Amino acid sequence: MRPFYRCVPALLVFAAQISAVEPVDWILRARYVVTMDAQHRVIDQGAVALRGTRIAGVGTQSEIARLFHARQTLDATDALIAPGLIDTHTHAPMSLLRAIADDKRLEDWLKNYIFPAESKNVSPDFVRWGTRLACLEMLLAGITTYTDMYYFEDVEAEAAKEAGIRGVLGQTIIGFPAPDYKTWQQAIAGTEHFIQKYRNDDLIVPAVAPHAIYTTPDEALTAAHQLAMKYDVPLTIHLAETEKERKDSLTKRGKTPTQVLEDLGVLNGRVIAAHAVWEDDHDLQILKRHDVGVAHCPSSNMKLASGIARVADMLKLGITVGFGNDGFAGSNDSADLIREMDIAAKLQKVARMDPTVMPAQRAFEMATSSGARVLRMNKEIGSIEPGKRGDLITLSLATANNKPLYNIYSTIVYATKAGDIQDVFISGRLIVRHRRVLTLNESDIYRKAEEYKRQILASLK
């Protein structure tokens, strides 16, 4: 029998090996991990370790197994793990107005359909259930962060937190009586209270959302900007969406919408410009100079015939561009950000008659790491790196549309569908498992949506 003292060194070595294995909450394993880090690493037979709300490690499955021991594991054998998708512009509660008025021009759509429907129906309860419906759809589409502009944003924040989704939520500032505030001065005061309540929240980033230069007075625009700067929060605004907006601005002011905002001092800080379709070279230089992030909404811009944004030129200049679905009521009707990638890439190719413009990797970058930069949140989200938030999705490759796989970015952008999203983690928490949202009651949401449909239709008679 071997003397006990001779076993001690071996036991000490074994104990040291055990102590070097760090405990984590989750280890996720997949065929590929698409990191979207600075090197754009794609890890074959990769794994991600999650501890608490953050990513503890990224590497091959064997590397992660040597370093970490998990309480729970998720094996996505014929799938990939990617950063959660980031929507940089939407109006989530408008999901309850989906398809209420289609095939209209923006001005007609807003003034004769959407604004009247909102004035008669939007309430805190409307916002709560509309947000729940939108979050259900966004989560199933792999969106882990969304950027909103609407009313009763404090109620929306409650609903978003309930769903477990990350939200950059902008309280609307507008120059006429809105469902929540009857004057823009009241809206500014309410927005400040909203910012103070949520400025240190784990999931909610409060923002200021002056609607546009044609709906918000100059003094309200400057007051909104001062508030955003005071608290260092994002400011999101519709900008140069239509040719009419541009022409009206030139006629009345002798300036483009972008020049108006620059002269008012509104473009400094964390500004997100939604659409930016009708921009000339000088306008693009202004956006670049102020480091304005652009939320590109290709489906909305096509459906409303607003035009094709000069995204290829923006990217060439170094302007940061992300994707937005622009809501669920007439301007798009879908939260499918994978579809937005596909459409955006093809739109730029045909607009420039150049198939090399906006390759698939760049399109996927816009939905992840670039989207995070638009929001000035790239230190926290947008890529799979140790220390960042555990916002991850798994995407099945075991479908006919994803076989065979030659180029992973081309497959994601041009072949995959929102229905291929299987699992969603946000801040390290499992929110969607096997396409079932764990935080929301689907049947209750669908029932309430039908109730609101009847109410809205009756209100418009």
Protein backbone atom coordinates (compact mmCIF):
# COMPACT_ATOMS: atom_id res chain seq x y z
CA MET A 1 0.00 0.00 0.00
CA ARG A 2 1.35 3.43 -0.95
CA PRO A 3 2.19 5.61 2.09
CA PHE A 4 -0.27 8.47 2.60
CA TYR A 5 2.44 11.16 2.63
CA ARG A 6 3.47 10.16 -0.89
CA CYS A 7 -0.10 10.93 -2.09
CA VAL A 8 -0.11 14.45 -0.68
CA PRO A 9 1.70 16.19 -3.59
CA ALA A 10 -0.66 14.59 -6.09
CA LEU A 11 -3.65 15.61 -3.99
CA LEU A 12 -2.34 19.16 -3.76
CA VAL A 13 -1.93 19.33 -7.54
CA PHE A 14 -5.46 17.99 -8.02
CA ALA A 15 -6.83 20.52 -5.51
CA ALA A 16 -5.03 23.35 -7.29
CA GLN A 17 -6.54 22.25 -10.59
CA ILE A 18 -10.01 22.16 -9.05
CA SER A 19 -9.61 25.62 -7.49
CA ALA A 20 -8.53 27.06 -10.85
CA VAL A 21 -11.89 26.11 -12.39
CA GLU A 22 -14.16 29.08 -11.85
CA PRO A 23 -17.85 28.65 -11.08
CA VAL A 24 -20.29 30.27 -13.54
CA ASP A 25 -24.03 30.24 -13.96
CA TRP A 26 -24.16 29.10 -17.59
CA ILE A 27 -21.99 27.56 -20.26
CA LEU A 28 -23.44 27.80 -23.78
CA ARG A 29 -21.96 25.57 -26.48
CA ALA A 30 -22.60 25.73 -30.21
CA ARG A 31 -21.20 24.82 -33.63
CA TYR A 32 -19.98 28.43 -34.00
CA VAL A 33 -19.66 31.50 -31.82
CA VAL A 34 -19.85 34.67 -33.93
CA THR A 35 -18.24 37.17 -31.57
CA MET A 36 -18.41 40.47 -33.54
CA ASP A 37 -15.39 41.60 -31.53
CA ALA A 38 -12.72 43.87 -33.05
CA GLN A 39 -11.16 40.88 -34.83
CA HIS A 40 -14.55 39.51 -35.95
CA ARG A 41 -13.59 36.11 -34.57
CA VAL A 42 -15.79 33.17 -35.48
CA ILE A 43 -14.98 30.31 -33.11
CA ASP A 44 -15.53 26.79 -34.42
CA GLN A 45 -17.00 24.48 -31.75
CA GLY A 46 -17.24 27.51 -29.50
CA ALA A 47 -18.60 28.22 -26.05
CA VAL A 48 -19.54 31.17 -23.85
CA ALA A 49 -19.53 31.28 -20.05
CA LEU A 50 -21.96 33.57 -18.20
CA ARG A 51 -21.63 34.70 -14.60
CA GLY A 52 -24.40 36.87 -13.23
CA THR A 53 -25.29 39.51 -15.80
CA ARG A 54 -22.00 39.37 -17.72
CA ILE A 55 -19.87 37.25 -20.00
CA ALA A 56 -17.12 35.50 -18.06
CA GLY A 57 -15.35 33.78 -20.94
CA VAL A 58 -15.40 33.08 -24.68
CA GLY A 59 -13.43 30.41 -26.49
CA THR A 60 -13.47 26.90 -27.83
CA GLN A 61 -15.53 24.36 -25.96
CA SER A 62 -12.41 22.67 -24.65
CA GLU A 63 -10.94 25.98 -23.43
CA ILE A 64 -14.11 26.97 -21.63
CA ALA A 65 -14.42 23.51 -20.07
CA ARG A 66 -10.89 23.82 -18.63
CA LEU A 67 -11.60 27.23 -17.12
CA PHE A 68 -15.20 27.12 -15.93
CA HIS A 69 -17.71 24.88 -14.22
CA ALA A 70 -21.37 25.80 -14.73
CA ARG A 71 -24.54 25.22 -12.77
CA GLN A 72 -26.44 25.01 -16.07
CA THR A 73 -25.48 24.29 -19.66
CA LEU A 74 -27.10 24.86 -23.01
CA ASP A 75 -25.98 22.80 -25.99
CA ALA A 76 -26.89 24.18 -29.41
CA THR A 77 -25.20 21.51 -31.50
CA ASP A 78 -26.20 22.56 -35.01
CA ALA A 79 -26.53 26.27 -34.27
CA LEU A 80 -24.53 29.41 -33.75
CA ILE A 81 -24.29 31.81 -30.84
CA ALA A 82 -24.26 35.51 -31.71
CA PRO A 83 -24.69 38.83 -29.94
CA GLY A 84 -28.29 39.87 -29.40
CA LEU A 85 -29.68 42.06 -32.17
CA ILE A 86 -30.02 45.79 -31.53
CA ASP A 87 -32.95 47.84 -32.85
CA THR A 88 -32.03 51.53 -32.92
CA HIS A 89 -35.49 52.95 -33.73
CA THR A 90 -39.05 51.80 -33.14
CA HIS A 91 -42.41 52.71 -31.58
CA ALA A 92 -43.22 49.54 -29.66
CA PRO A 93 -46.73 50.20 -28.30
CA MET A 94 -47.94 50.88 -31.84
CA SER A 95 -48.05 47.11 -32.27
CA LEU A 96 -51.73 47.46 -31.33
CA LEU A 97 -52.20 49.62 -34.46
CA ARG A 98 -50.54 47.14 -36.81
CA ALA A 99 -51.94 47.35 -40.37
CA ILE A 100 -54.60 49.90 -39.38
CA ALA A 101 -53.67 52.10 -42.36
CA ASP A 102 -51.39 50.96 -45.15
CA ASP A 103 -50.29 52.21 -48.55
CA LYS A 104 -50.33 55.87 -47.50
CA ARG A 105 -47.81 58.67 -47.69
CA LEU A 106 -46.17 59.53 -44.38
CA GLU A 107 -47.97 62.87 -43.91
CA ASP A 108 -51.36 61.35 -44.78
CA TRP A 109 -50.66 58.28 -42.64
CA LEU A 110 -49.70 60.35 -39.59
CA LYS A 111 -52.25 63.17 -39.74
CA ASN A 112 -55.32 61.30 -40.94
CA TYR A 113 -54.90 57.87 -39.38
CA ILE A 114 -52.23 57.40 -36.71
CA PHE A 115 -52.55 60.67 -34.77
CA PRO A 116 -56.39 60.42 -34.62
CA ALA A 117 -56.26 56.75 -33.55
CA GLU A 118 -53.69 57.57 -30.89
CA SER A 119 -55.61 60.57 -29.54
CA LYS A 120 -58.69 58.41 -29.00
CA ASN A 121 -57.06 55.24 -27.68
CA VAL A 122 -53.57 55.68 -26.25
CA SER A 123 -53.56 55.35 -22.48
CA PRO A 124 -51.21 53.79 -19.91
CA ASP A 125 -53.04 50.47 -20.35
CA PHE A 126 -52.73 50.71 -24.15
CA VAL A 127 -48.98 51.31 -23.82
CA ARG A 128 -48.56 48.43 -21.38
CA TRP A 129 -50.27 45.85 -23.60
CA GLY A 130 -48.82 47.24 -26.81
CA THR A 131 -45.35 46.99 -25.30
CA ARG A 132 -45.97 43.43 -24.17
CA LEU A 133 -47.07 42.43 -27.68
CA ALA A 134 -44.07 44.18 -29.26
CA CYS A 135 -41.62 42.65 -26.75
CA LEU A 136 -43.02 39.20 -27.43
CA GLU A 137 -42.36 39.63 -31.14
CA MET A 138 -38.97 41.30 -30.69
CA LEU A 139 -37.69 38.61 -28.35
CA LEU A 140 -38.71 35.86 -30.76
CA ALA A 141 -36.82 37.80 -33.47
CA GLY A 142 -33.62 37.83 -31.40
CA ILE A 143 -33.75 41.52 -30.44
CA THR A 144 -32.21 42.02 -27.01
CA THR A 145 -32.06 45.85 -27.06
CA TYR A 146 -34.58 48.19 -28.64
CA THR A 147 -34.79 51.97 -28.94
CA ASP A 148 -38.21 53.52 -28.54
CA MET A 149 -40.02 56.82 -29.04
CA TYR A 150 -43.54 56.96 -27.66
CA TYR A 151 -45.84 58.16 -24.85
CA PHE A 152 -46.18 57.03 -21.22
CA GLU A 153 -42.60 55.76 -21.32
CA ASP A 154 -42.62 55.07 -17.59
CA VAL A 155 -45.34 52.48 -18.20
CA GLU A 156 -43.42 51.10 -21.16
CA ALA A 157 -40.35 50.78 -18.95
CA GLU A 158 -42.32 48.67 -16.48
CA ALA A 159 -43.54 46.39 -19.27
CA ALA A 160 -40.09 46.08 -20.83
CA LYS A 161 -38.54 45.15 -17.50
CA GLU A 162 -41.29 42.59 -16.99
CA ALA A 163 -40.36 41.06 -20.36
CA GLY A 164 -36.66 41.16 -19.45
CA ILE A 165 -35.64 43.09 -22.56
CA ARG A 166 -33.17 45.98 -22.67
CA GLY A 167 -34.78 49.26 -23.71
CA VAL A 168 -33.48 52.70 -24.64
CA LEU A 169 -36.80 54.43 -24.06
CA GLY A 170 -37.42 57.95 -25.33
CA GLN A 171 -40.24 60.07 -23.95
CA THR A 172 -41.80 61.96 -26.86
CA ILE A 173 -41.63 65.76 -26.90
CA ILE A 174 -44.11 67.16 -29.43
CA GLY A 175 -45.65 70.53 -30.15
CA PHE A 176 -49.34 69.66 -29.76
CA PRO A 177 -51.40 67.90 -27.06
CA ALA A 178 -50.27 64.29 -26.77
CA PRO A 179 -51.94 61.38 -24.98
CA ASP A 180 -49.73 61.81 -21.92
CA TYR A 181 -48.73 65.50 -21.79
CA LYS A 182 -50.78 68.38 -23.19
CA THR A 183 -47.85 70.78 -23.64
CA TRP A 184 -44.23 70.28 -24.54
CA GLN A 185 -43.26 72.01 -21.28
CA GLN A 186 -45.13 69.35 -19.33
CA ALA A 187 -43.46 66.68 -21.45
CA ILE A 188 -40.01 68.08 -20.62
CA ALA A 189 -40.81 68.02 -16.89
CA GLY A 190 -42.20 64.48 -17.15
CA THR A 191 -39.16 63.34 -19.10
CA GLU A 192 -36.83 64.64 -16.41
CA HIS A 193 -38.71 62.67 -13.77
CA PHE A 194 -38.52 59.58 -16.00
CA ILE A 195 -34.76 60.02 -16.43
CA GLN A 196 -34.22 60.42 -12.69
CA LYS A 197 -36.21 57.25 -12.00
CA TYR A 198 -34.41 55.00 -14.48
CA ARG A 199 -30.96 56.51 -15.04
CA ASN A 200 -29.20 53.75 -13.04
CA ASP A 201 -31.41 50.85 -14.08
CA ASP A 202 -29.88 47.57 -15.27
CA LEU A 203 -32.19 47.23 -18.29
CA ILE A 204 -33.73 50.64 -19.00
CA VAL A 205 -31.79 53.57 -20.49
CA PRO A 206 -34.03 56.65 -20.35
CA ALA A 207 -33.86 58.97 -23.35
CA VAL A 208 -35.32 62.23 -24.65
CA ALA A 209 -37.30 62.03 -27.89
CA PRO A 210 -38.27 65.27 -29.63
CA HIS A 211 -40.41 63.99 -32.50
CA ALA A 212 -39.14 66.01 -35.49
CA ILE A 213 -38.47 69.58 -36.60
CA TYR A 214 -41.92 69.79 -38.25
CA THR A 215 -43.86 68.72 -35.13
CA THR A 216 -41.70 70.14 -32.32
CA PRO A 217 -41.07 73.90 -31.86
CA ASP A 218 -37.49 75.14 -31.84
CA GLU A 219 -37.66 76.08 -28.15
CA ALA A 220 -38.84 72.56 -27.33
CA LEU A 221 -36.01 71.07 -29.40
CA THR A 222 -33.41 73.08 -27.51
CA ALA A 223 -35.04 72.33 -24.14
CA ALA A 224 -35.03 68.61 -24.97
CA HIS A 225 -31.37 68.77 -25.94
CA GLN A 226 -30.43 70.64 -22.75
CA LEU A 227 -32.18 67.94 -20.72
CA ALA A 228 -30.34 65.15 -22.55
CA MET A 229 -27.01 66.89 -22.00
CA LYS A 230 -27.76 67.55 -18.32
CA TYR A 231 -28.13 63.84 -17.62
CA ASP A 232 -25.90 62.49 -20.42
CA VAL A 233 -28.71 60.38 -21.89
CA PRO A 234 -29.53 59.68 -25.55
CA LEU A 235 -31.62 62.02 -27.66
CA THR A 236 -33.49 60.36 -30.52
CA ILE A 237 -35.29 62.27 -33.28
CA HIS A 238 -36.80 61.70 -36.73
CA LEU A 239 -34.57 63.50 -39.23
CA ALA A 240 -34.85 64.14 -42.97
CA GLU A 241 -37.23 61.22 -43.43
CA THR A 242 -39.11 62.53 -46.48
CA GLU A 243 -38.50 64.81 -49.42
CA LYS A 244 -41.41 66.98 -48.22
CA GLU A 245 -39.72 67.52 -44.87
CA ARG A 246 -36.58 68.67 -46.65
CA LYS A 247 -38.39 70.92 -49.13
CA ASP A 248 -40.55 72.53 -46.44
CA SER A 249 -37.48 73.23 -44.33
CA LEU A 250 -35.63 74.80 -47.25
CA THR A 251 -38.67 76.90 -48.19
CA LYS A 252 -39.46 78.15 -44.70
CA ARG A 253 -35.97 78.37 -43.20
CA GLY A 254 -33.53 78.28 -46.06
CA LYS A 255 -31.84 75.31 -44.40
CA THR A 256 -32.04 71.54 -44.53
CA PRO A 257 -33.45 69.74 -41.45
CA THR A 258 -29.94 68.67 -40.47
CA GLN A 259 -28.65 72.22 -40.76
CA VAL A 260 -31.57 73.42 -38.61
CA LEU A 261 -30.63 71.01 -35.84
CA GLU A 262 -26.96 71.95 -36.04
CA ASP A 263 -27.76 75.66 -35.81
CA LEU A 264 -29.97 74.98 -32.79
CA GLY A 265 -27.10 73.06 -31.15
CA VAL A 266 -29.19 69.90 -30.93
CA LEU A 267 -26.67 67.54 -32.57
CA ASN A 268 -24.14 67.55 -29.74
CA GLY A 269 -24.12 64.64 -27.33
CA ARG A 270 -25.62 61.16 -27.71
CA VAL A 271 -27.87 61.86 -30.70
CA ILE A 272 -29.67 59.16 -32.71
CA ALA A 273 -31.07 60.36 -36.04
CA ALA A 274 -33.82 58.10 -37.32
CA HIS A 275 -34.06 57.65 -41.11
CA ALA A 276 -31.75 60.42 -42.46
CA VAL A 277 -32.95 59.65 -45.97
CA TRP A 278 -32.84 63.10 -47.60
CA GLU A 279 -29.30 64.19 -46.77
CA ASP A 280 -26.90 65.96 -49.12
CA ASP A 281 -23.11 65.84 -48.88
CA HIS A 282 -23.00 68.81 -46.52
CA ASP A 283 -25.60 67.19 -44.26
CA LEU A 284 -23.55 64.00 -44.08
CA GLN A 285 -20.49 66.01 -43.09
CA ILE A 286 -22.55 67.58 -40.29
CA LEU A 287 -23.60 64.16 -39.02
CA LYS A 288 -19.99 62.99 -39.14
CA ARG A 289 -18.70 66.11 -37.40
CA HIS A 290 -21.10 65.67 -34.49
CA ASP A 291 -20.71 61.88 -34.34
CA VAL A 292 -24.46 61.42 -34.78
CA GLY A 293 -25.60 57.81 -34.94
CA VAL A 294 -28.06 56.97 -37.71
CA ALA A 295 -30.95 54.53 -37.34
CA HIS A 296 -31.54 53.15 -40.84
CA CYS A 297 -35.09 51.84 -41.39
CA PRO A 298 -35.14 50.28 -44.88
CA SER A 299 -38.53 48.53 -44.76
CA SER A 300 -40.27 51.63 -43.46
CA ASN A 301 -38.57 53.87 -45.99
CA MET A 302 -39.66 51.57 -48.81
CA LYS A 303 -43.23 51.05 -47.63
CA LEU A 304 -43.87 54.78 -47.16
CA ALA A 305 -41.92 55.58 -50.35
CA SER A 306 -39.69 57.90 -48.34
CA GLY A 307 -36.61 57.04 -50.37
CA ILE A 308 -33.32 55.18 -50.03
CA ALA A 309 -30.92 56.50 -47.42
CA ARG A 310 -27.33 57.02 -48.53
CA VAL A 311 -26.03 54.36 -46.18
CA ALA A 312 -23.06 53.36 -48.35
CA ASP A 313 -21.89 56.99 -48.36
CA MET A 314 -22.45 57.26 -44.62
CA LEU A 315 -20.36 54.17 -43.94
CA LYS A 316 -17.62 55.39 -46.25
CA LEU A 317 -17.47 58.66 -44.27
CA GLY A 318 -17.29 56.78 -40.99
CA ILE A 319 -20.79 57.64 -39.78
CA THR A 320 -22.10 54.97 -37.42
CA VAL A 321 -25.27 53.30 -38.71
CA GLY A 322 -27.59 50.77 -37.12
CA PHE A 323 -30.97 49.29 -38.02
CA GLY A 324 -34.47 50.19 -36.90
CA ASN A 325 -37.78 48.52 -37.67
CA ASP A 326 -39.64 51.83 -37.13
CA GLY A 327 -42.64 50.39 -35.41
CA PHE A 328 -45.43 47.99 -36.09
CA ALA A 329 -48.23 50.16 -37.50
CA GLY A 330 -48.14 50.76 -41.20
CA SER A 331 -44.55 51.87 -41.52
CA ASN A 332 -43.22 48.32 -41.26
CA ASP A 333 -45.50 45.89 -39.39
CA SER A 334 -42.65 43.60 -38.38
CA ALA A 335 -39.88 43.31 -35.78
CA ASP A 336 -37.79 41.05 -38.01
CA LEU A 337 -34.35 42.68 -37.89
CA ILE A 338 -32.82 39.85 -39.91
CA ARG A 339 -35.10 40.91 -42.76
CA GLU A 340 -33.90 44.50 -42.32
CA MET A 341 -30.29 43.35 -42.79
CA ASP A 342 -31.16 41.54 -45.99
CA ILE A 343 -33.23 44.39 -47.43
CA ALA A 344 -30.71 47.06 -46.47
CA ALA A 345 -27.81 45.29 -48.14
CA LYS A 346 -29.76 44.68 -51.34
CA LEU A 347 -31.17 48.23 -51.44
CA GLN A 348 -27.69 49.72 -51.35
CA LYS A 349 -26.49 47.35 -54.06
CA VAL A 350 -29.29 48.20 -56.47
CA ALA A 351 -29.23 51.92 -55.64
CA ARG A 352 -25.52 52.03 -56.50
CA MET A 353 -25.69 49.32 -59.17
CA ASP A 354 -22.76 47.71 -57.37
CA PRO A 355 -23.10 44.23 -55.81
CA THR A 356 -19.98 44.78 -53.69
CA VAL A 357 -21.62 47.57 -51.67
CA MET A 358 -22.54 46.66 -48.07
CA PRO A 359 -21.34 43.06 -47.85
CA ALA A 360 -23.10 40.67 -45.50
CA GLN A 361 -20.56 41.03 -42.71
CA ARG A 362 -21.10 44.79 -42.64
CA ALA A 363 -24.88 44.33 -42.55
CA PHE A 364 -24.63 41.98 -39.57
CA GLU A 365 -22.24 44.39 -37.88
CA MET A 366 -24.88 47.14 -38.23
CA ALA A 367 -27.37 44.93 -36.37
CA THR A 368 -24.95 44.21 -33.54
CA SER A 369 -21.72 46.08 -32.76
CA SER A 370 -22.48 49.17 -34.85
CA GLY A 371 -25.97 49.35 -33.38
CA ALA A 372 -24.36 49.42 -29.95
CA ARG A 373 -22.13 52.30 -31.06
CA VAL A 374 -25.15 54.23 -32.37
CA LEU A 375 -26.54 54.05 -28.82
CA ARG A 376 -23.10 54.75 -27.27
CA MET A 377 -23.44 51.44 -25.44
CA ASN A 378 -20.66 49.53 -27.19
CA LYS A 379 -18.72 49.04 -23.95
CA GLU A 380 -21.65 47.04 -22.62
CA ILE A 381 -23.35 45.27 -25.54
CA GLY A 382 -23.00 44.46 -29.25
CA SER A 383 -20.30 41.78 -29.17
CA ILE A 384 -19.42 38.63 -27.27
CA GLU A 385 -16.46 39.58 -25.10
CA PRO A 386 -15.57 38.96 -21.44
CA GLY A 387 -16.95 41.68 -19.21
CA LYS A 388 -19.80 42.70 -21.50
CA ARG A 389 -23.45 42.08 -20.76
CA GLY A 390 -24.67 38.56 -21.38
CA ASP A 391 -26.96 39.49 -24.29
CA LEU A 392 -26.83 36.46 -26.61
CA ILE A 393 -28.95 34.54 -29.09
CA THR A 394 -28.74 31.07 -30.56
CA LEU A 395 -29.70 30.65 -34.19
CA SER A 396 -30.47 27.21 -35.59
CA LEU A 397 -28.55 26.02 -38.64
CA ALA A 398 -30.61 22.81 -38.81
CA THR A 399 -33.06 24.17 -41.36
CA ALA A 400 -33.32 23.77 -45.12
CA ASN A 401 -32.75 27.49 -45.72
CA ASN A 402 -29.43 27.34 -43.84
CA LYS A 403 -27.90 24.33 -45.62
CA PRO A 404 -25.17 24.06 -46.74
CA LEU A 405 -23.14 26.73 -44.94
CA TYR A 406 -20.19 28.22 -46.82
CA ASN A 407 -20.00 31.77 -45.44
CA ILE A 408 -21.46 32.36 -42.00
CA TYR A 409 -22.26 36.06 -42.51
CA SER A 410 -23.91 35.46 -45.88
CA THR A 411 -26.02 32.72 -44.34
CA ILE A 412 -27.14 34.93 -41.44
CA VAL A 413 -28.02 37.95 -43.59
CA TYR A 414 -29.40 36.38 -46.76
CA ALA A 415 -30.67 32.94 -45.69
CA THR A 416 -31.75 32.84 -42.04
CA LYS A 417 -35.18 33.90 -40.81
CA ALA A 418 -36.41 35.29 -37.52
CA GLY A 419 -38.01 31.88 -36.95
CA ASP A 420 -34.52 30.35 -36.77
CA ILE A 421 -33.87 32.14 -33.46
CA GLN A 422 -34.08 29.52 -30.73
CA ASP A 423 -32.81 30.94 -27.43
CA VAL A 424 -32.29 34.44 -26.06
CA PHE A 425 -30.26 35.56 -23.06
CA ILE A 426 -30.36 39.14 -21.76
CA SER A 427 -28.02 40.19 -18.95
CA GLY A 428 -27.23 36.53 -18.42
CA ARG A 429 -30.88 35.58 -17.93
CA LEU A 430 -32.57 33.01 -20.14
CA ILE A 431 -35.58 34.82 -21.64
CA VAL A 432 -36.44 32.60 -24.63
CA ARG A 433 -35.95 28.83 -24.65
CA HIS A 434 -36.74 26.76 -27.75
CA ARG A 435 -38.79 29.70 -29.15
CA ARG A 436 -40.90 30.02 -26.02
CA VAL A 437 -40.78 33.37 -24.24
CA LEU A 438 -40.46 32.58 -20.54
CA THR A 439 -41.36 36.01 -19.19
CA LEU A 440 -44.64 36.80 -20.96
CA ASN A 441 -48.06 35.15 -21.21
CA GLU A 442 -48.76 34.83 -24.94
CA SER A 443 -52.44 33.93 -24.65
CA ASP A 444 -53.19 36.92 -22.41
CA ILE A 445 -51.37 39.25 -24.81
CA TYR A 446 -53.26 37.92 -27.85
CA ARG A 447 -56.60 38.19 -26.04
CA LYS A 448 -55.90 41.80 -25.05
CA ALA A 449 -54.78 42.67 -28.58
CA GLU A 450 -58.14 41.52 -29.93
CA GLU A 451 -59.96 43.59 -27.30
CA TYR A 452 -58.04 46.68 -28.36
CA LYS A 453 -58.72 45.96 -32.01
CA ARG A 454 -62.47 46.14 -31.34
CA GLN A 455 -62.07 49.31 -29.27
CA ILE A 456 -59.92 51.07 -31.88
CA LEU A 457 -62.21 50.20 -34.76
CA ALA A 458 -65.22 51.50 -32.83
CA SER A 459 -63.40 54.74 -32.00
CA LEU A 460 -62.72 55.49 -35.67
CA LYS A 461 -66.32 55.14 -36.89
